[in-house]
Amino acid sequence: MQIQTHIITTIPVFDLNEPLENLVQFFMENTFSHVAIVDQKRYLGVFNQNDLENFEVDKTIEDYKYNLESFFVGKDAGWLDVLESFARNEANLVPVLGEKEEVLGYFDITDVVSVFIDTPFFTEPGGVLVVAKGIKDYSFSEIVQIVESNNSKFIGGFVSEIKDELVQVTLKISNNNMNEVVQTFRRYNYNILFGSIEDQFIDDLKQRSDYLDKYLNV
């Protein structure tokens, strides 16, 4: 998926020698979290809107250049890389750099998320599963094989969390044979963190059936 058409070129870039007051005015008029700073058109970093509260307005941007944060994406970045940059830096605006470290523009999180929402992962009908397994034991090829071996369609998936050597993978699959897919994941030692309502219903029925069997055998 190409998101380069969503690069915004109308948002300003500030020079290191400009008055700090220009930054303050920019953030007062907008809801952006960061904005890019350059020195002779070369990217230096971004100012965080939250940092301006303790600065003296009559200073220049250069007086506070030690507060600059450094994050950006290249002009050929994919949408997943851009989303990661937003998330890692708690930003709603990310600079896009060219080959000479010049600022070509920005990605706005609203635009990028809208591109993500238009992908088949969201638009195609189906069900969502969240499965988990040890980071050394899982593989996407195995996940896809499990889905397709049950005559279900793998629509999309991504690693949604890595914690304590455990990987969580969020999947979108076609609704047919959802329960068979879930049971196969369990046979392959995947934990089901989120699955279909039908699967939970079957589990509840099984528990009640087991309880009834125990009761009748007393």
N, C-alpha and C. Protein backbone atom coordinates (compact mmCIF):
# COMPACT_ATOMS: atom_id res chain seq x y z
N MET A 1 0.84 -1.19 0.00
CA MET A 1 0.00 0.00 0.00
C MET A 1 0.88 1.25 0.00
N GLN A 2 0.65 2.15 -0.94
CA GLN A 2 1.42 3.39 -1.04
C GLN A 2 0.68 4.52 -0.32
N ILE A 3 1.36 5.18 0.60
CA ILE A 3 0.72 6.29 1.31
C ILE A 3 1.41 7.62 1.01
N GLN A 4 2.35 7.60 0.04
CA GLN A 4 3.09 8.82 -0.26
C GLN A 4 2.18 9.95 -0.75
N THR A 5 1.04 9.60 -1.31
CA THR A 5 0.12 10.65 -1.77
C THR A 5 -0.50 11.40 -0.60
N HIS A 6 -0.30 10.89 0.62
CA HIS A 6 -0.86 11.54 1.81
C HIS A 6 0.15 12.44 2.52
N ILE A 7 1.32 12.64 1.92
CA ILE A 7 2.30 13.56 2.52
C ILE A 7 1.75 14.99 2.43
N ILE A 8 1.71 15.67 3.56
CA ILE A 8 1.17 17.03 3.62
C ILE A 8 2.32 18.03 3.50
N THR A 9 2.19 18.96 2.57
CA THR A 9 3.26 19.94 2.34
C THR A 9 2.85 21.35 2.77
N THR A 10 1.67 21.50 3.33
CA THR A 10 1.18 22.84 3.70
C THR A 10 1.49 23.21 5.15
N ILE A 11 1.97 22.25 5.94
CA ILE A 11 2.31 22.54 7.33
C ILE A 11 3.74 23.08 7.38
N PRO A 12 3.97 24.16 8.10
CA PRO A 12 5.30 24.81 8.05
C PRO A 12 6.41 24.01 8.72
N VAL A 13 7.62 24.36 8.35
CA VAL A 13 8.85 23.88 8.98
C VAL A 13 9.56 25.11 9.50
N PHE A 14 10.08 25.06 10.72
CA PHE A 14 10.67 26.24 11.34
C PHE A 14 12.19 26.17 11.34
N ASP A 15 12.80 27.33 11.11
CA ASP A 15 14.26 27.42 11.10
C ASP A 15 14.79 27.65 12.50
N LEU A 16 15.99 27.16 12.74
CA LEU A 16 16.60 27.24 14.06
C LEU A 16 16.72 28.69 14.56
N ASN A 17 16.87 29.64 13.64
CA ASN A 17 17.10 31.03 14.03
C ASN A 17 15.81 31.82 14.24
N GLU A 18 14.68 31.21 14.04
CA GLU A 18 13.42 31.94 14.20
C GLU A 18 13.11 32.19 15.67
N PRO A 19 12.31 33.23 15.95
CA PRO A 19 11.87 33.48 17.33
C PRO A 19 11.02 32.33 17.85
N LEU A 20 11.17 32.01 19.12
CA LEU A 20 10.37 30.96 19.72
C LEU A 20 8.89 31.31 19.67
N GLU A 21 8.61 32.58 19.63
CA GLU A 21 7.22 33.04 19.57
C GLU A 21 6.49 32.46 18.36
N ASN A 22 7.20 32.24 17.26
CA ASN A 22 6.58 31.66 16.07
C ASN A 22 6.06 30.25 16.33
N LEU A 23 6.85 29.47 17.11
CA LEU A 23 6.42 28.13 17.47
C LEU A 23 5.18 28.17 18.36
N VAL A 24 5.23 29.07 19.34
CA VAL A 24 4.11 29.20 20.26
C VAL A 24 2.83 29.53 19.50
N GLN A 25 2.93 30.45 18.56
CA GLN A 25 1.77 30.85 17.77
C GLN A 25 1.25 29.66 16.94
N PHE A 26 2.18 28.89 16.37
CA PHE A 26 1.78 27.73 15.57
C PHE A 26 0.99 26.73 16.40
N PHE A 27 1.50 26.40 17.59
CA PHE A 27 0.82 25.41 18.42
C PHE A 27 -0.50 25.93 18.98
N MET A 28 -0.60 27.24 19.18
CA MET A 28 -1.85 27.83 19.65
C MET A 28 -2.95 27.72 18.58
N GLU A 29 -2.54 27.76 17.32
CA GLU A 29 -3.50 27.76 16.22
C GLU A 29 -3.79 26.36 15.68
N ASN A 30 -3.06 25.34 16.17
CA ASN A 30 -3.22 23.98 15.67
C ASN A 30 -3.25 22.99 16.82
N THR A 31 -3.60 21.77 16.50
CA THR A 31 -3.65 20.71 17.51
C THR A 31 -2.56 19.67 17.31
N PHE A 32 -1.51 20.02 16.58
CA PHE A 32 -0.43 19.09 16.32
C PHE A 32 0.47 18.95 17.54
N SER A 33 1.02 17.74 17.70
CA SER A 33 1.87 17.46 18.86
C SER A 33 3.30 17.90 18.66
N HIS A 34 3.78 17.90 17.42
CA HIS A 34 5.17 18.20 17.11
C HIS A 34 5.26 19.02 15.82
N VAL A 35 6.41 19.63 15.63
CA VAL A 35 6.68 20.30 14.36
C VAL A 35 8.19 20.26 14.11
N ALA A 36 8.58 20.23 12.84
CA ALA A 36 9.99 20.03 12.47
C ALA A 36 10.79 21.32 12.54
N ILE A 37 12.06 21.16 12.93
CA ILE A 37 13.02 22.27 13.00
C ILE A 37 14.18 21.95 12.06
N VAL A 38 14.61 22.95 11.27
CA VAL A 38 15.71 22.76 10.33
C VAL A 38 16.78 23.81 10.54
N ASP A 39 17.97 23.52 10.06
CA ASP A 39 19.07 24.48 10.03
C ASP A 39 19.64 24.46 8.62
N GLN A 40 19.45 25.57 7.90
CA GLN A 40 19.84 25.66 6.49
C GLN A 40 19.20 24.51 5.69
N LYS A 41 17.93 24.31 5.94
CA LYS A 41 17.08 23.32 5.26
C LYS A 41 17.39 21.87 5.64
N ARG A 42 18.33 21.65 6.55
CA ARG A 42 18.66 20.29 6.99
C ARG A 42 17.92 19.98 8.29
N TYR A 43 17.27 18.84 8.31
CA TYR A 43 16.44 18.46 9.46
C TYR A 43 17.28 18.26 10.71
N LEU A 44 16.82 18.88 11.82
CA LEU A 44 17.50 18.72 13.11
C LEU A 44 16.70 17.89 14.09
N GLY A 45 15.39 18.02 14.04
CA GLY A 45 14.54 17.31 14.98
C GLY A 45 13.18 17.96 15.04
N VAL A 46 12.41 17.57 16.06
CA VAL A 46 11.07 18.15 16.22
C VAL A 46 10.93 18.73 17.62
N PHE A 47 10.13 19.77 17.72
CA PHE A 47 9.76 20.31 19.01
C PHE A 47 8.44 19.69 19.44
N ASN A 48 8.39 19.31 20.70
CA ASN A 48 7.18 18.78 21.30
C ASN A 48 6.36 19.94 21.88
N GLN A 49 5.10 19.98 21.53
CA GLN A 49 4.24 21.06 21.99
C GLN A 49 4.23 21.17 23.52
N ASN A 50 4.34 20.05 24.21
CA ASN A 50 4.29 20.05 25.67
C ASN A 50 5.51 20.72 26.30
N ASP A 51 6.62 20.81 25.58
CA ASP A 51 7.84 21.39 26.14
C ASP A 51 7.81 22.91 26.21
N LEU A 52 6.93 23.52 25.44
CA LEU A 52 6.94 24.98 25.33
C LEU A 52 6.46 25.69 26.58
N GLU A 53 5.80 24.98 27.48
CA GLU A 53 5.22 25.62 28.66
C GLU A 53 6.28 26.28 29.54
N ASN A 54 7.48 25.73 29.55
CA ASN A 54 8.53 26.23 30.45
C ASN A 54 9.55 27.13 29.75
N PHE A 55 9.28 27.52 28.50
CA PHE A 55 10.23 28.32 27.74
C PHE A 55 9.87 29.80 27.78
N GLU A 56 10.89 30.63 27.57
CA GLU A 56 10.68 32.07 27.51
C GLU A 56 10.42 32.46 26.05
N VAL A 57 9.31 33.13 25.84
CA VAL A 57 8.86 33.43 24.49
C VAL A 57 9.80 34.36 23.74
N ASP A 58 10.54 35.20 24.45
CA ASP A 58 11.39 36.18 23.78
C ASP A 58 12.73 35.57 23.32
N LYS A 59 12.92 34.28 23.52
CA LYS A 59 14.13 33.60 23.06
C LYS A 59 13.96 33.13 21.62
N THR A 60 15.05 32.58 21.05
CA THR A 60 14.96 31.98 19.72
C THR A 60 14.83 30.47 19.87
N ILE A 61 14.47 29.81 18.79
CA ILE A 61 14.37 28.35 18.81
C ILE A 61 15.72 27.73 19.15
N GLU A 62 16.80 28.35 18.67
CA GLU A 62 18.14 27.81 18.91
C GLU A 62 18.46 27.73 20.39
N ASP A 63 17.92 28.65 21.19
CA ASP A 63 18.18 28.65 22.63
C ASP A 63 17.68 27.38 23.30
N TYR A 64 16.79 26.67 22.66
CA TYR A 64 16.21 25.47 23.26
C TYR A 64 16.39 24.24 22.36
N LYS A 65 17.41 24.28 21.52
CA LYS A 65 17.60 23.18 20.58
C LYS A 65 17.93 21.86 21.28
N TYR A 66 18.40 21.92 22.53
CA TYR A 66 18.69 20.69 23.27
C TYR A 66 17.41 19.93 23.62
N ASN A 67 16.26 20.57 23.46
CA ASN A 67 14.98 19.92 23.73
C ASN A 67 14.41 19.19 22.50
N LEU A 68 15.11 19.28 21.39
CA LEU A 68 14.60 18.66 20.18
C LEU A 68 14.56 17.13 20.31
N GLU A 69 13.50 16.53 19.84
CA GLU A 69 13.38 15.09 19.74
C GLU A 69 13.72 14.69 18.30
N SER A 70 14.19 13.47 18.12
CA SER A 70 14.60 13.04 16.78
C SER A 70 13.82 11.82 16.34
N PHE A 71 12.80 12.05 15.54
CA PHE A 71 12.11 10.95 14.87
C PHE A 71 11.56 11.45 13.55
N PHE A 72 11.47 10.53 12.60
CA PHE A 72 11.01 10.87 11.25
C PHE A 72 10.82 9.57 10.49
N VAL A 73 10.29 9.67 9.28
CA VAL A 73 10.25 8.52 8.37
C VAL A 73 10.80 8.97 7.02
N GLY A 74 11.34 8.02 6.27
CA GLY A 74 11.83 8.33 4.94
C GLY A 74 10.69 8.44 3.94
N LYS A 75 10.99 8.97 2.80
CA LYS A 75 9.95 9.21 1.79
C LYS A 75 9.35 7.92 1.25
N ASP A 76 10.08 6.81 1.36
CA ASP A 76 9.59 5.54 0.84
C ASP A 76 9.04 4.62 1.93
N ALA A 77 8.80 5.18 3.11
CA ALA A 77 8.33 4.37 4.23
C ALA A 77 6.96 3.77 3.94
N GLY A 78 6.73 2.55 4.43
CA GLY A 78 5.43 1.92 4.31
C GLY A 78 4.51 2.38 5.42
N TRP A 79 3.22 2.09 5.27
CA TRP A 79 2.26 2.60 6.24
C TRP A 79 2.44 1.98 7.62
N LEU A 80 2.95 0.75 7.70
CA LEU A 80 3.20 0.16 9.02
C LEU A 80 4.34 0.87 9.74
N ASP A 81 5.39 1.26 8.99
CA ASP A 81 6.49 2.01 9.58
C ASP A 81 6.01 3.36 10.10
N VAL A 82 5.12 3.98 9.34
CA VAL A 82 4.59 5.28 9.74
C VAL A 82 3.73 5.15 11.00
N LEU A 83 2.87 4.13 11.03
CA LEU A 83 2.05 3.90 12.21
C LEU A 83 2.92 3.63 13.44
N GLU A 84 4.01 2.88 13.25
CA GLU A 84 4.91 2.59 14.36
C GLU A 84 5.55 3.87 14.88
N SER A 85 5.92 4.78 13.98
CA SER A 85 6.52 6.04 14.40
C SER A 85 5.54 6.88 15.21
N PHE A 86 4.29 6.91 14.78
CA PHE A 86 3.26 7.61 15.56
C PHE A 86 3.16 7.03 16.96
N ALA A 87 3.09 5.71 17.04
CA ALA A 87 2.87 5.05 18.32
C ALA A 87 4.06 5.19 19.26
N ARG A 88 5.27 4.98 18.74
CA ARG A 88 6.47 5.03 19.58
C ARG A 88 6.71 6.42 20.16
N ASN A 89 6.33 7.44 19.41
CA ASN A 89 6.65 8.81 19.83
C ASN A 89 5.45 9.60 20.33
N GLU A 90 4.31 8.92 20.44
CA GLU A 90 3.08 9.55 20.92
C GLU A 90 2.83 10.86 20.18
N ALA A 91 2.91 10.78 18.87
CA ALA A 91 2.80 11.96 18.01
C ALA A 91 1.59 11.84 17.09
N ASN A 92 1.08 12.99 16.65
CA ASN A 92 0.04 12.96 15.62
C ASN A 92 0.53 13.58 14.32
N LEU A 93 1.82 13.95 14.31
CA LEU A 93 2.44 14.50 13.10
C LEU A 93 3.88 13.98 13.02
N VAL A 94 4.26 13.42 11.88
CA VAL A 94 5.60 12.85 11.70
C VAL A 94 6.24 13.45 10.45
N PRO A 95 7.46 14.00 10.57
CA PRO A 95 8.14 14.55 9.39
C PRO A 95 8.55 13.46 8.42
N VAL A 96 8.54 13.81 7.14
CA VAL A 96 8.99 12.91 6.07
C VAL A 96 10.25 13.52 5.46
N LEU A 97 11.35 12.75 5.45
CA LEU A 97 12.63 13.28 4.97
C LEU A 97 13.00 12.72 3.61
N GLY A 98 13.70 13.57 2.83
CA GLY A 98 14.25 13.14 1.56
C GLY A 98 15.67 12.65 1.72
N GLU A 99 16.33 12.38 0.61
CA GLU A 99 17.68 11.81 0.64
C GLU A 99 18.72 12.76 1.21
N LYS A 100 18.49 14.06 1.13
CA LYS A 100 19.45 15.04 1.64
C LYS A 100 19.06 15.57 3.01
N GLU A 101 18.24 14.78 3.73
CA GLU A 101 17.77 15.12 5.08
C GLU A 101 16.92 16.39 5.09
N GLU A 102 16.31 16.70 3.95
CA GLU A 102 15.39 17.82 3.89
C GLU A 102 13.99 17.34 4.23
N VAL A 103 13.18 18.22 4.78
CA VAL A 103 11.81 17.88 5.15
C VAL A 103 10.91 18.04 3.93
N LEU A 104 10.36 16.93 3.47
CA LEU A 104 9.48 16.96 2.30
C LEU A 104 8.05 17.30 2.68
N GLY A 105 7.72 17.07 3.94
CA GLY A 105 6.36 17.30 4.42
C GLY A 105 6.12 16.49 5.67
N TYR A 106 4.86 16.19 5.93
CA TYR A 106 4.48 15.45 7.13
C TYR A 106 3.43 14.40 6.80
N PHE A 107 3.36 13.39 7.67
CA PHE A 107 2.22 12.50 7.72
C PHE A 107 1.37 12.90 8.92
N ASP A 108 0.07 13.02 8.70
CA ASP A 108 -0.88 13.30 9.77
C ASP A 108 -1.54 11.98 10.15
N ILE A 109 -1.61 11.70 11.45
CA ILE A 109 -2.11 10.41 11.90
C ILE A 109 -3.54 10.15 11.42
N THR A 110 -4.35 11.21 11.30
CA THR A 110 -5.73 11.03 10.85
C THR A 110 -5.76 10.47 9.44
N ASP A 111 -4.90 10.99 8.57
CA ASP A 111 -4.86 10.52 7.19
C ASP A 111 -4.36 9.07 7.10
N VAL A 112 -3.32 8.76 7.88
CA VAL A 112 -2.74 7.42 7.81
C VAL A 112 -3.71 6.37 8.34
N VAL A 113 -4.39 6.71 9.43
CA VAL A 113 -5.37 5.77 9.98
C VAL A 113 -6.51 5.55 9.00
N SER A 114 -6.91 6.60 8.29
CA SER A 114 -7.98 6.45 7.30
C SER A 114 -7.56 5.50 6.17
N VAL A 115 -6.27 5.53 5.80
CA VAL A 115 -5.75 4.59 4.80
C VAL A 115 -5.81 3.17 5.35
N PHE A 116 -5.42 3.00 6.61
CA PHE A 116 -5.43 1.70 7.26
C PHE A 116 -6.85 1.13 7.31
N ILE A 117 -7.82 1.97 7.64
CA ILE A 117 -9.20 1.53 7.77
C ILE A 117 -9.78 1.09 6.43
N ASP A 118 -9.25 1.65 5.34
CA ASP A 118 -9.74 1.30 4.01
C ASP A 118 -9.14 0.00 3.47
N THR A 119 -8.26 -0.65 4.23
CA THR A 119 -7.66 -1.90 3.77
C THR A 119 -8.66 -3.05 3.92
N PRO A 120 -8.44 -4.15 3.19
CA PRO A 120 -9.34 -5.31 3.30
C PRO A 120 -9.46 -5.85 4.72
N PHE A 121 -8.44 -5.61 5.55
CA PHE A 121 -8.51 -6.10 6.94
C PHE A 121 -9.77 -5.58 7.63
N PHE A 122 -10.17 -4.34 7.30
CA PHE A 122 -11.36 -3.76 7.90
C PHE A 122 -12.59 -3.86 7.01
N THR A 123 -12.42 -3.78 5.71
CA THR A 123 -13.57 -3.70 4.81
C THR A 123 -14.15 -5.06 4.45
N GLU A 124 -13.32 -6.11 4.44
CA GLU A 124 -13.82 -7.43 4.09
C GLU A 124 -14.59 -8.03 5.27
N PRO A 125 -15.73 -8.69 4.99
CA PRO A 125 -16.46 -9.35 6.07
C PRO A 125 -15.67 -10.52 6.63
N GLY A 126 -15.78 -10.74 7.93
CA GLY A 126 -15.06 -11.85 8.55
C GLY A 126 -15.03 -11.70 10.05
N GLY A 127 -14.29 -12.58 10.70
CA GLY A 127 -14.17 -12.55 12.14
C GLY A 127 -12.73 -12.26 12.55
N VAL A 128 -12.58 -11.79 13.78
CA VAL A 128 -11.27 -11.43 14.31
C VAL A 128 -10.87 -12.42 15.39
N LEU A 129 -9.64 -12.90 15.29
CA LEU A 129 -9.06 -13.76 16.32
C LEU A 129 -7.77 -13.11 16.82
N VAL A 130 -7.55 -13.23 18.11
CA VAL A 130 -6.26 -12.83 18.68
C VAL A 130 -5.66 -14.08 19.32
N VAL A 131 -4.54 -14.52 18.77
CA VAL A 131 -3.89 -15.73 19.27
C VAL A 131 -2.52 -15.37 19.85
N ALA A 132 -2.04 -16.21 20.73
CA ALA A 132 -0.75 -15.94 21.37
C ALA A 132 0.06 -17.23 21.47
N LYS A 133 1.39 -17.06 21.33
CA LYS A 133 2.30 -18.19 21.44
C LYS A 133 3.69 -17.65 21.75
N GLY A 134 4.57 -18.51 22.23
CA GLY A 134 5.93 -18.10 22.53
C GLY A 134 6.62 -17.50 21.31
N ILE A 135 7.44 -16.49 21.53
CA ILE A 135 8.06 -15.76 20.43
C ILE A 135 8.95 -16.67 19.57
N LYS A 136 9.48 -17.74 20.15
CA LYS A 136 10.34 -18.65 19.39
C LYS A 136 9.55 -19.76 18.71
N ASP A 137 8.27 -19.86 19.02
CA ASP A 137 7.50 -21.00 18.55
C ASP A 137 6.48 -20.69 17.46
N TYR A 138 6.13 -19.42 17.31
CA TYR A 138 5.08 -19.09 16.34
C TYR A 138 5.70 -18.78 14.98
N SER A 139 4.89 -18.88 13.94
CA SER A 139 5.30 -18.43 12.62
C SER A 139 4.04 -18.06 11.83
N PHE A 140 4.17 -17.05 10.98
CA PHE A 140 3.02 -16.63 10.19
C PHE A 140 2.63 -17.70 9.17
N SER A 141 3.62 -18.41 8.66
CA SER A 141 3.30 -19.47 7.69
C SER A 141 2.45 -20.54 8.35
N GLU A 142 2.74 -20.88 9.59
CA GLU A 142 1.94 -21.86 10.31
C GLU A 142 0.55 -21.33 10.58
N ILE A 143 0.45 -20.05 10.94
CA ILE A 143 -0.85 -19.43 11.22
C ILE A 143 -1.73 -19.47 9.98
N VAL A 144 -1.16 -19.08 8.85
CA VAL A 144 -1.93 -19.09 7.60
C VAL A 144 -2.34 -20.51 7.23
N GLN A 145 -1.42 -21.46 7.44
CA GLN A 145 -1.71 -22.86 7.11
C GLN A 145 -2.87 -23.39 7.96
N ILE A 146 -2.90 -23.01 9.24
CA ILE A 146 -3.99 -23.44 10.12
C ILE A 146 -5.32 -22.90 9.63
N VAL A 147 -5.33 -21.63 9.26
CA VAL A 147 -6.57 -21.02 8.78
C VAL A 147 -7.04 -21.69 7.49
N GLU A 148 -6.14 -21.81 6.53
CA GLU A 148 -6.55 -22.30 5.21
C GLU A 148 -6.80 -23.81 5.20
N SER A 149 -6.19 -24.54 6.12
CA SER A 149 -6.44 -25.98 6.18
C SER A 149 -7.86 -26.29 6.63
N ASN A 150 -8.52 -25.30 7.22
CA ASN A 150 -9.91 -25.46 7.64
C ASN A 150 -10.87 -24.80 6.66
N ASN A 151 -10.40 -24.60 5.42
CA ASN A 151 -11.22 -24.00 4.36
C ASN A 151 -11.76 -22.63 4.73
N SER A 152 -10.96 -21.90 5.49
CA SER A 152 -11.28 -20.52 5.80
C SER A 152 -10.28 -19.63 5.06
N LYS A 153 -10.63 -18.38 4.86
CA LYS A 153 -9.79 -17.46 4.10
C LYS A 153 -9.02 -16.54 5.05
N PHE A 154 -7.71 -16.48 4.88
CA PHE A 154 -6.87 -15.56 5.67
C PHE A 154 -6.92 -14.18 5.00
N ILE A 155 -7.54 -13.21 5.67
CA ILE A 155 -7.70 -11.87 5.11
C ILE A 155 -6.52 -10.96 5.47
N GLY A 156 -6.03 -11.10 6.69
CA GLY A 156 -4.89 -10.28 7.10
C GLY A 156 -4.51 -10.56 8.54
N GLY A 157 -3.35 -10.07 8.94
CA GLY A 157 -2.91 -10.26 10.31
C GLY A 157 -1.67 -9.44 10.61
N PHE A 158 -1.47 -9.16 11.89
CA PHE A 158 -0.29 -8.41 12.30
C PHE A 158 0.03 -8.73 13.75
N VAL A 159 1.30 -8.55 14.13
CA VAL A 159 1.72 -8.73 15.52
C VAL A 159 1.22 -7.53 16.31
N SER A 160 0.31 -7.75 17.23
CA SER A 160 -0.30 -6.65 17.97
C SER A 160 0.37 -6.40 19.32
N GLU A 161 1.15 -7.38 19.81
CA GLU A 161 1.86 -7.15 21.08
C GLU A 161 2.94 -8.20 21.27
N ILE A 162 4.06 -7.78 21.83
CA ILE A 162 5.12 -8.70 22.25
C ILE A 162 5.44 -8.38 23.70
N LYS A 163 5.24 -9.35 24.57
CA LYS A 163 5.45 -9.10 26.00
C LYS A 163 5.85 -10.40 26.68
N ASP A 164 6.90 -10.32 27.49
CA ASP A 164 7.36 -11.48 28.27
C ASP A 164 7.54 -12.71 27.39
N GLU A 165 8.23 -12.54 26.25
CA GLU A 165 8.52 -13.64 25.33
C GLU A 165 7.27 -14.26 24.71
N LEU A 166 6.14 -13.55 24.80
CA LEU A 166 4.89 -14.04 24.22
C LEU A 166 4.44 -13.08 23.12
N VAL A 167 4.11 -13.64 21.96
CA VAL A 167 3.67 -12.83 20.82
C VAL A 167 2.15 -12.95 20.66
N GLN A 168 1.50 -11.80 20.54
CA GLN A 168 0.08 -11.78 20.23
C GLN A 168 -0.10 -11.40 18.76
N VAL A 169 -0.89 -12.18 18.05
CA VAL A 169 -1.14 -11.92 16.63
C VAL A 169 -2.64 -11.73 16.43
N THR A 170 -3.01 -10.60 15.83
CA THR A 170 -4.41 -10.32 15.52
C THR A 170 -4.68 -10.72 14.08
N LEU A 171 -5.72 -11.53 13.89
CA LEU A 171 -6.04 -12.09 12.58
C LEU A 171 -7.44 -11.69 12.15
N LYS A 172 -7.61 -11.54 10.86
CA LYS A 172 -8.95 -11.38 10.27
C LYS A 172 -9.12 -12.53 9.29
N ILE A 173 -10.16 -13.35 9.52
CA ILE A 173 -10.41 -14.50 8.66
C ILE A 173 -11.89 -14.53 8.28
N SER A 174 -12.20 -15.28 7.23
CA SER A 174 -13.60 -15.41 6.83
C SER A 174 -14.37 -16.16 7.91
N ASN A 175 -15.66 -15.89 7.98
CA ASN A 175 -16.48 -16.44 9.06
C ASN A 175 -16.71 -17.95 8.96
N ASN A 176 -16.59 -18.52 7.75
CA ASN A 176 -16.86 -19.94 7.63
C ASN A 176 -15.82 -20.78 8.36
N ASN A 177 -16.30 -21.77 9.09
CA ASN A 177 -15.45 -22.70 9.84
C ASN A 177 -14.60 -22.03 10.91
N MET A 178 -15.13 -20.97 11.48
CA MET A 178 -14.38 -20.25 12.52
C MET A 178 -14.05 -21.15 13.71
N ASN A 179 -15.02 -21.94 14.15
CA ASN A 179 -14.78 -22.78 15.32
C ASN A 179 -13.73 -23.85 15.05
N GLU A 180 -13.74 -24.40 13.82
CA GLU A 180 -12.72 -25.38 13.47
C GLU A 180 -11.33 -24.75 13.48
N VAL A 181 -11.25 -23.53 13.01
CA VAL A 181 -9.97 -22.81 13.03
C VAL A 181 -9.49 -22.62 14.47
N VAL A 182 -10.40 -22.19 15.34
CA VAL A 182 -10.06 -21.96 16.74
C VAL A 182 -9.56 -23.24 17.39
N GLN A 183 -10.26 -24.33 17.17
CA GLN A 183 -9.86 -25.59 17.78
C GLN A 183 -8.51 -26.08 17.26
N THR A 184 -8.24 -25.82 15.97
CA THR A 184 -6.94 -26.22 15.41
C THR A 184 -5.82 -25.40 16.02
N PHE A 185 -6.06 -24.10 16.21
CA PHE A 185 -5.05 -23.27 16.88
C PHE A 185 -4.74 -23.84 18.26
N ARG A 186 -5.75 -24.27 18.96
CA ARG A 186 -5.52 -24.82 20.30
C ARG A 186 -4.71 -26.12 20.23
N ARG A 187 -4.97 -26.93 19.22
CA ARG A 187 -4.20 -28.18 19.07
C ARG A 187 -2.73 -27.89 18.78
N TYR A 188 -2.48 -26.73 18.16
CA TYR A 188 -1.11 -26.32 17.87
C TYR A 188 -0.52 -25.47 19.01
N ASN A 189 -1.19 -25.52 20.16
CA ASN A 189 -0.70 -24.86 21.38
C ASN A 189 -0.70 -23.32 21.30
N TYR A 190 -1.63 -22.77 20.52
CA TYR A 190 -1.85 -21.33 20.55
C TYR A 190 -2.93 -21.03 21.58
N ASN A 191 -2.71 -19.98 22.37
CA ASN A 191 -3.75 -19.51 23.27
C ASN A 191 -4.69 -18.58 22.51
N ILE A 192 -5.99 -18.75 22.70
CA ILE A 192 -6.98 -17.89 22.06
C ILE A 192 -7.33 -16.78 23.04
N LEU A 193 -6.89 -15.57 22.77
CA LEU A 193 -7.16 -14.44 23.66
C LEU A 193 -8.47 -13.76 23.32
N PHE A 194 -8.84 -13.83 22.06
CA PHE A 194 -10.12 -13.28 21.63
C PHE A 194 -10.59 -14.09 20.45
N GLY A 195 -11.85 -14.55 20.49
CA GLY A 195 -12.37 -15.36 19.40
C GLY A 195 -13.83 -15.10 19.17
N SER A 196 -14.45 -15.98 18.43
CA SER A 196 -15.84 -15.80 18.05
C SER A 196 -16.77 -16.10 19.21
N ILE A 197 -17.95 -15.50 19.15
CA ILE A 197 -18.97 -15.74 20.17
C ILE A 197 -19.41 -17.20 20.13
N GLU A 198 -19.48 -17.76 18.90
CA GLU A 198 -19.91 -19.15 18.75
C GLU A 198 -18.98 -20.09 19.49
N ASP A 199 -17.68 -19.80 19.42
CA ASP A 199 -16.70 -20.65 20.09
C ASP A 199 -16.92 -20.62 21.60
N GLN A 200 -17.18 -19.43 22.14
CA GLN A 200 -17.44 -19.31 23.57
C GLN A 200 -18.72 -20.05 23.94
N PHE A 201 -19.71 -19.97 23.07
CA PHE A 201 -20.98 -20.65 23.31
C PHE A 201 -20.77 -22.16 23.39
N ILE A 202 -19.97 -22.70 22.45
CA ILE A 202 -19.68 -24.14 22.46
C ILE A 202 -18.94 -24.53 23.72
N ASP A 203 -17.98 -23.69 24.15
CA ASP A 203 -17.24 -23.98 25.37
C ASP A 203 -18.18 -24.02 26.57
N ASP A 204 -19.12 -23.07 26.62
CA ASP A 204 -20.08 -23.04 27.73
C ASP A 204 -20.95 -24.29 27.74
N LEU A 205 -21.40 -24.70 26.54
CA LEU A 205 -22.21 -25.91 26.45
C LEU A 205 -21.44 -27.14 26.92
N LYS A 206 -20.16 -27.19 26.53
CA LYS A 206 -19.34 -28.34 26.91
C LYS A 206 -19.18 -28.39 28.44
N GLN A 207 -18.95 -27.22 29.06
CA GLN A 207 -18.80 -27.18 30.50
C GLN A 207 -20.07 -27.64 31.19
N ARG A 208 -21.21 -27.20 30.68
CA ARG A 208 -22.48 -27.61 31.28
C ARG A 208 -22.72 -29.11 31.09
N SER A 209 -22.33 -29.60 29.90
CA SER A 209 -22.49 -31.03 29.63
C SER A 209 -21.62 -31.86 30.57
N ASP A 210 -20.39 -31.42 30.78
CA ASP A 210 -19.49 -32.12 31.69
C ASP A 210 -20.04 -32.12 33.10
N TYR A 211 -20.61 -30.99 33.50
CA TYR A 211 -21.18 -30.89 34.85
C TYR A 211 -22.36 -31.83 35.00
N LEU A 212 -23.20 -31.90 33.93
CA LEU A 212 -24.37 -32.79 33.98
C LEU A 212 -23.92 -34.25 34.06
N ASP A 213 -22.87 -34.62 33.29
CA ASP A 213 -22.37 -35.99 33.33
C ASP A 213 -21.90 -36.36 34.74
N LYS A 214 -21.18 -35.44 35.37
CA LYS A 214 -20.70 -35.69 36.72
C LYS A 214 -21.88 -35.86 37.69
N TYR A 215 -22.89 -35.01 37.50
CA TYR A 215 -24.04 -35.07 38.38
C TYR A 215 -24.78 -36.40 38.25
N LEU A 216 -24.95 -36.87 36.99
CA LEU A 216 -25.67 -38.11 36.74
C LEU A 216 -24.90 -39.33 37.23
N ASN A 217 -23.56 -39.18 37.29
CA ASN A 217 -22.73 -40.32 37.71
C ASN A 217 -22.55 -40.41 39.22
N VAL A 218 -23.07 -39.41 39.93
CA VAL A 218 -22.94 -39.44 41.40
C VAL A 218 -23.84 -40.54 41.97
